[in-house]
Protein backbone atom coordinates (compact mmCIF):
# COMPACT_ATOMS: atom_id res chain seq x y z
CA MET A 1 0.00 0.00 0.00
CA LYS A 2 1.35 3.42 -0.93
CA GLU A 3 0.18 6.64 0.66
CA GLU A 4 1.33 10.12 -0.28
CA ARG A 5 0.72 13.61 0.95
CA VAL A 6 -0.13 15.64 -2.12
CA SER A 7 -0.46 19.34 -2.64
CA ASP A 8 -3.70 21.13 -3.35
CA SER A 9 -2.38 22.46 -6.64
CA ASP A 10 -4.12 21.60 -9.90
CA SER A 11 -1.07 19.70 -11.10
CA GLY A 12 -1.57 17.05 -8.43
CA ALA A 13 2.19 16.79 -7.89
CA ALA A 14 3.39 15.32 -4.62
CA GLU A 15 4.07 17.85 -1.87
CA GLU A 16 7.65 18.28 -0.76
CA GLY A 17 7.79 16.54 2.60
CA VAL A 18 7.06 13.12 3.97
CA VAL A 19 6.04 10.39 1.59
CA ALA A 20 4.94 7.30 3.52
CA VAL A 21 5.35 4.05 1.63
CA GLU A 22 4.21 0.80 3.18
CA GLY A 23 4.58 -2.80 2.16
CA PRO A 24 7.40 -5.12 1.08
CA GLY A 25 10.46 -3.28 -0.16
CA ALA A 26 9.08 0.07 1.01
CA ALA A 27 11.55 2.93 0.81
CA GLU A 28 12.43 5.06 3.80
CA PRO A 29 10.24 8.20 4.00
CA ARG A 30 11.86 11.41 2.81
CA ARG A 31 12.87 13.59 5.74
CA PRO A 32 13.91 16.98 4.38
CA LEU A 33 14.72 18.28 7.88
CA ALA A 34 16.67 15.22 9.00
CA ASP A 35 20.01 17.04 8.95
CA VAL A 36 18.76 20.05 10.91
CA PRO A 37 19.84 19.91 14.58
CA PHE A 38 16.96 19.36 16.99
CA GLU A 39 17.81 22.58 18.81
CA GLU A 40 17.41 24.55 15.57
CA LEU A 41 13.97 23.04 15.02
CA ILE A 42 12.94 24.13 18.51
CA ARG A 43 14.34 27.61 17.86
CA GLU A 44 12.24 27.81 14.70
CA MET A 45 9.20 26.66 16.67
CA LEU A 46 9.72 29.54 19.09
CA TRP A 47 9.79 31.99 16.18
CA ARG A 48 6.54 30.55 14.82
CA LEU A 49 4.91 30.91 18.23
CA GLY A 50 5.68 34.62 18.09
CA GLU A 51 8.60 34.50 20.51
CA ASP A 52 12.13 35.81 20.19
CA PRO A 53 14.60 32.94 20.70
CA GLY A 54 17.35 35.55 21.14
CA ARG A 55 15.98 37.02 24.34
CA GLU A 56 17.71 36.12 27.58
CA GLY A 57 15.12 33.75 28.99
CA LEU A 58 15.00 31.67 25.80
CA LEU A 59 18.68 31.50 24.83
CA LYS A 60 19.18 28.01 26.25
CA THR A 61 15.59 26.83 25.83
CA PRO A 62 16.21 24.83 22.63
CA GLU A 63 18.99 22.84 24.31
CA ARG A 64 16.91 22.32 27.46
CA VAL A 65 13.85 21.17 25.51
CA ALA A 66 15.91 18.73 23.44
CA LYS A 67 17.41 17.16 26.57
CA SER A 68 14.03 17.12 28.30
CA LEU A 69 12.29 15.32 25.44
CA GLU A 70 15.12 12.81 25.20
CA TRP A 71 14.61 12.02 28.90
CA LEU A 72 10.83 11.92 28.71
CA THR A 73 10.89 9.46 25.80
CA ARG A 74 13.83 7.30 26.93
CA GLY A 75 11.51 4.29 27.23
CA HIS A 76 11.81 3.83 23.45
CA ARG A 77 15.46 2.95 24.03
CA LEU A 78 14.97 0.63 27.02
CA ASP A 79 14.80 -3.14 26.79
CA VAL A 80 12.53 -5.09 29.15
CA ALA A 81 14.90 -8.03 29.53
CA ARG A 82 17.82 -5.77 30.44
CA VAL A 83 15.74 -3.76 32.88
CA VAL A 84 14.63 -6.88 34.75
CA GLY A 85 18.04 -8.52 34.50
CA ASP A 86 18.52 -11.45 36.86
CA ALA A 87 16.00 -10.22 39.44
CA ILE A 88 13.71 -13.23 38.99
CA PHE A 89 13.72 -15.74 41.84
CA LYS A 90 12.26 -19.17 42.46
CA GLU A 91 9.65 -18.97 45.20
CA ASP A 92 6.83 -21.29 46.26
CA HIS A 93 4.25 -18.53 46.65
CA HIS A 94 0.87 -18.88 44.97
CA ASN A 95 -1.10 -15.91 46.30
CA MET A 96 -1.55 -12.47 44.83
CA ILE A 97 1.32 -9.98 44.92
CA LEU A 98 0.22 -6.39 44.40
CA VAL A 99 2.44 -3.35 43.94
CA ARG A 100 0.09 -0.39 44.00
CA ASP A 101 0.34 3.38 43.68
CA ILE A 102 3.40 3.32 41.41
CA GLU A 103 3.93 6.90 40.25
CA MET A 104 3.64 7.26 36.49
CA TYR A 105 4.47 10.11 34.12
CA SER A 106 3.99 9.83 30.38
CA MET A 107 3.40 11.91 27.25
CA CYS A 108 0.21 11.88 25.20
CA GLU A 109 1.19 11.06 21.63
CA HIS A 110 -1.67 13.14 20.22
CA HIS A 111 -0.74 16.51 21.72
CA MET A 112 2.66 15.78 23.32
CA LEU A 113 1.32 16.94 26.66
CA PRO A 114 1.86 14.99 29.90
CA PHE A 115 -0.50 12.56 31.51
CA PHE A 116 0.31 11.30 34.96
CA GLY A 117 -1.07 9.25 37.80
CA LYS A 118 -0.49 5.87 39.38
CA VAL A 119 -0.29 2.26 38.33
CA HIS A 120 -1.31 -0.87 40.26
CA VAL A 121 0.34 -4.12 39.15
CA ALA A 122 -0.62 -7.53 40.54
CA TYR A 123 0.29 -11.07 39.64
CA ILE A 124 -0.08 -14.59 41.01
CA PRO A 125 3.28 -16.39 40.77
CA ASN A 126 3.76 -19.76 39.18
CA GLY A 127 6.97 -20.69 40.98
CA ARG A 128 8.81 -17.42 40.23
CA ILE A 129 8.69 -13.90 41.60
CA VAL A 130 10.35 -10.69 40.44
CA GLY A 131 12.10 -8.03 42.52
CA LEU A 132 9.58 -5.41 43.58
CA SER A 133 11.60 -2.48 42.22
CA LYS A 134 11.60 -4.14 38.80
CA VAL A 135 7.81 -3.85 38.66
CA ALA A 136 8.13 -0.08 38.99
CA ARG A 137 10.92 -0.04 36.41
CA LEU A 138 8.74 -1.97 33.95
CA VAL A 139 6.13 0.77 34.31
CA ASP A 140 8.74 3.37 33.37
CA VAL A 141 9.88 1.39 30.31
CA PHE A 142 6.47 1.92 28.72
CA ALA A 143 5.44 5.19 30.37
CA ARG A 144 8.53 7.11 29.28
CA ARG A 145 7.57 7.32 25.63
CA LEU A 146 4.86 8.85 23.46
CA GLN A 147 1.80 6.93 24.58
CA VAL A 148 -1.90 6.50 24.97
CA GLN A 149 -3.11 5.21 28.31
CA GLU A 150 -4.93 2.23 26.83
CA ARG A 151 -1.81 0.89 25.13
CA LEU A 152 0.36 1.66 28.14
CA THR A 153 -1.87 -0.50 30.34
CA GLU A 154 -1.76 -3.44 27.93
CA GLN A 155 2.00 -3.20 27.44
CA ILE A 156 2.72 -3.29 31.17
CA ALA A 157 0.45 -6.31 31.63
CA GLN A 158 1.99 -8.15 28.69
CA ALA A 159 5.54 -7.46 29.89
CA VAL A 160 4.81 -8.90 33.35
CA TRP A 161 3.09 -11.87 31.71
CA ASP A 162 6.04 -12.55 29.41
CA VAL A 163 8.83 -11.97 31.93
CA ILE A 164 7.52 -13.82 35.01
CA GLN A 165 5.17 -16.29 33.29
CA PRO A 166 2.76 -16.18 36.23
CA GLN A 167 -0.67 -17.71 36.67
CA GLY A 168 -2.26 -14.34 36.11
CA VAL A 169 -1.61 -10.60 35.80
CA GLY A 170 -3.73 -7.53 36.49
CA VAL A 171 -2.87 -3.88 35.79
CA ILE A 172 -4.85 -0.72 36.51
CA VAL A 173 -3.75 2.76 35.46
CA GLU A 174 -5.34 5.90 36.92
CA ALA A 175 -4.29 9.10 35.17
CA PHE A 176 -4.97 12.78 34.69
CA HIS A 177 -4.45 14.08 31.15
CA LEU A 178 -3.28 17.65 30.66
CA CYS A 179 -4.53 17.52 27.07
CA MET A 180 -8.07 17.67 28.46
CA MET A 181 -7.29 19.74 31.56
CA MET A 182 -5.31 22.75 30.27
CA ARG A 183 -6.74 22.79 26.71
CA GLY A 184 -9.76 21.50 24.82
CA VAL A 185 -12.66 20.74 27.17
CA GLU A 186 -10.62 21.95 30.21
CA LYS A 187 -12.10 19.48 32.68
CA GLN A 188 -9.95 19.69 35.80
CA ASN A 189 -11.37 16.83 37.86
CA SER A 190 -11.69 14.10 35.27
CA LYS A 191 -9.60 10.98 35.78
CA THR A 192 -9.22 8.08 33.34
CA LEU A 193 -9.00 4.46 34.54
CA THR A 194 -7.90 1.59 32.32
CA SER A 195 -7.30 -2.06 33.13
CA ALA A 196 -5.71 -5.11 31.53
CA VAL A 197 -5.84 -8.70 32.78
CA ARG A 198 -4.23 -11.98 31.81
CA GLY A 199 -4.63 -15.61 32.93
CA THR A 200 -6.51 -16.23 36.18
CA PHE A 201 -7.32 -12.53 36.52
CA ARG A 202 -9.41 -12.92 33.38
CA SER A 203 -10.84 -16.42 33.96
CA ASP A 204 -11.56 -16.25 37.72
CA ALA A 205 -14.08 -13.59 38.75
CA ARG A 206 -13.14 -13.84 42.44
CA THR A 207 -9.46 -13.18 41.69
CA ARG A 208 -10.39 -10.23 39.50
CA GLU A 209 -12.71 -8.80 42.18
CA GLU A 210 -10.00 -9.13 44.85
CA PHE A 211 -7.56 -7.31 42.59
CA LEU A 212 -9.98 -4.48 41.91
CA ARG A 213 -10.91 -4.16 45.58
CA LEU A 214 -7.31 -4.04 46.80
CA SER A 215 -6.15 -1.71 44.04
CA LEU A 216 -8.92 0.85 44.32
CA ALA A 217 -9.43 0.81 48.10
CA ASN A 218 -8.68 4.03 49.95
CA VAL A 219 -5.75 3.19 52.21
CA SER A 220 -4.97 5.69 54.94
CA PRO A 221 -1.29 6.28 55.70
CA ALA A 222 0.02 4.50 58.80
């Protein structure tokens, strides 16, 4: 399948820019700005927003934004197997393990604005457990990239399922999205919840109910 962006001119010639070609033997898309340093692109963006990149407060902004975006999307360059490493241990434990209220920060891929909240990850071991800190690190692998919450939830669940090979996995993500808080509909108190389940969390209603109850219960600090 071949898809092109074309100009509105009567000639129908292809617009200078990205030409997306899909299918076997597809060529790489043309990237006319590929050789322009990222910082220069950000400086141009500031001009187009009506700002003066030469004023004192913005002199180092292009460099800061480039470094910030690299950090915020570092999950694209992380590998699940390397993040978990050898932190998987044999253990004869067959009850639910829940790590809840894991802080999560991500970037909406539609508007490149943050969404943030907390993640609850539970699994029932099948002879193996994983180090607790690795559960939080798995969340970061998928959160620190351009995302949508629905896919983020599924990716975390699938990673736990693949890495530990447990009897079941459950993941809940609760998040606030700045793309609908500071722009658009501007709803300040809306929160989005998504869930993903695997194995016994899907097939056993009692297990699923226990997971939901423990994850969403209001727990007062000790």
